[in-house]
């Protein structure tokens, strides 16, 4: 999926969301999600960006 995402080879949008490739400090699940950007708010923002917006006619 990462290959398809980077090459834009599919007729659909693909967004890779996951834990970055670095050491994540110990902490609560909530703290780790905040550090890696895997919060519900960020996920919602990323998903909304994938949804095509309807164009308004002038």
C-alpha atoms as a PDB file:
ATOM      1  CA  UNK A   1       0.000   0.000   0.000  1.00  0.00           C
ATOM      2  CA  UNK A   2       2.878   2.353   0.708  1.00  0.00           C
ATOM      3  CA  UNK A   3       4.147   1.864  -2.855  1.00  0.00           C
ATOM      4  CA  UNK A   4       0.717   2.569  -4.360  1.00  0.00           C
ATOM      5  CA  UNK A   5       0.327   5.603  -2.133  1.00  0.00           C
ATOM      6  CA  UNK A   6       3.670   7.092  -3.156  1.00  0.00           C
ATOM      7  CA  UNK A   7       3.188   6.368  -6.890  1.00  0.00           C
ATOM      8  CA  UNK A   8      -0.495   7.330  -7.200  1.00  0.00           C
ATOM      9  CA  UNK A   9      -1.144   4.136  -9.168  1.00  0.00           C
ATOM     10  CA  UNK A  10      -4.642   3.395  -7.963  1.00  0.00           C
ATOM     11  CA  UNK A  11      -7.812   5.165  -8.956  1.00  0.00           C
ATOM     12  CA  UNK A  12      -8.515   5.620  -5.254  1.00  0.00           C
ATOM     13  CA  UNK A  13      -6.755   7.701  -2.648  1.00  0.00           C
ATOM     14  CA  UNK A  14      -4.494   5.825  -0.260  1.00  0.00           C
ATOM     15  CA  UNK A  15      -3.093   7.422   2.881  1.00  0.00           C
ATOM     16  CA  UNK A  16      -0.576   5.580   5.040  1.00  0.00           C
ATOM     17  CA  UNK A  17      -1.070   6.381   8.712  1.00  0.00           C
ATOM     18  CA  UNK A  18       0.979   4.612  11.350  1.00  0.00           C
ATOM     19  CA  UNK A  19       3.632   4.809  13.999  1.00  0.00           C
ATOM     20  CA  UNK A  20       6.741   6.632  12.742  1.00  0.00           C
ATOM     21  CA  UNK A  21      10.012   4.717  12.552  1.00  0.00           C
ATOM     22  CA  UNK A  22      11.673   6.017  15.717  1.00  0.00           C
ATOM     23  CA  UNK A  23      11.829   5.049  19.365  1.00  0.00           C
ATOM     24  CA  UNK A  24       8.656   6.062  21.185  1.00  0.00           C
ATOM     25  CA  UNK A  25       9.201   6.935  24.842  1.00  0.00           C
ATOM     26  CA  UNK A  26       7.447   4.917  27.505  1.00  0.00           C
ATOM     27  CA  UNK A  27       4.195   6.332  28.775  1.00  0.00           C
ATOM     28  CA  UNK A  28       0.490   5.756  28.803  1.00  0.00           C
ATOM     29  CA  UNK A  29      -1.258   4.730  25.606  1.00  0.00           C
ATOM     30  CA  UNK A  30      -2.725   8.228  25.358  1.00  0.00           C
ATOM     31  CA  UNK A  31       0.724   9.835  25.719  1.00  0.00           C
ATOM     32  CA  UNK A  32       2.206   7.537  23.080  1.00  0.00           C
ATOM     33  CA  UNK A  33      -0.625   8.245  20.644  1.00  0.00           C
ATOM     34  CA  UNK A  34      -0.168  11.975  21.206  1.00  0.00           C
ATOM     35  CA  UNK A  35       3.580  11.703  20.530  1.00  0.00           C
ATOM     36  CA  UNK A  36       3.098   9.694  17.334  1.00  0.00           C
ATOM     37  CA  UNK A  37       0.159  11.741  16.062  1.00  0.00           C
ATOM     38  CA  UNK A  38      -2.333   8.880  16.220  1.00  0.00           C
ATOM     39  CA  UNK A  39      -5.007  10.836  18.040  1.00  0.00           C
ATOM     40  CA  UNK A  40      -8.677  10.696  17.039  1.00  0.00           C
ATOM     41  CA  UNK A  41      -8.539  14.385  16.082  1.00  0.00           C
ATOM     42  CA  UNK A  42      -5.618  13.888  13.683  1.00  0.00           C
ATOM     43  CA  UNK A  43      -7.166  10.781  12.155  1.00  0.00           C
ATOM     44  CA  UNK A  44     -10.421  12.641  11.516  1.00  0.00           C
ATOM     45  CA  UNK A  45      -8.478  15.495   9.895  1.00  0.00           C
ATOM     46  CA  UNK A  46      -6.583  13.042   7.668  1.00  0.00           C
ATOM     47  CA  UNK A  47      -9.785  11.244   6.650  1.00  0.00           C
ATOM     48  CA  UNK A  48     -11.596  14.478   5.844  1.00  0.00           C
ATOM     49  CA  UNK A  49      -8.697  15.466   3.575  1.00  0.00           C
ATOM     50  CA  UNK A  50      -9.257  12.276   1.546  1.00  0.00           C
ATOM     51  CA  UNK A  51     -12.944  12.942   0.907  1.00  0.00           C
ATOM     52  CA  UNK A  52     -13.467  14.886  -2.316  1.00  0.00           C
ATOM     53  CA  UNK A  53     -15.357  18.109  -1.801  1.00  0.00           C
ATOM     54  CA  UNK A  54     -18.284  18.998  -3.999  1.00  0.00           C
ATOM     55  CA  UNK A  55     -17.709  22.027  -6.158  1.00  0.00           C
ATOM     56  CA  UNK A  56     -20.174  24.841  -5.927  1.00  0.00           C
ATOM     57  CA  UNK A  57     -21.408  26.457  -9.077  1.00  0.00           C
ATOM     58  CA  UNK A  58     -20.970  30.206  -9.289  1.00  0.00           C
END
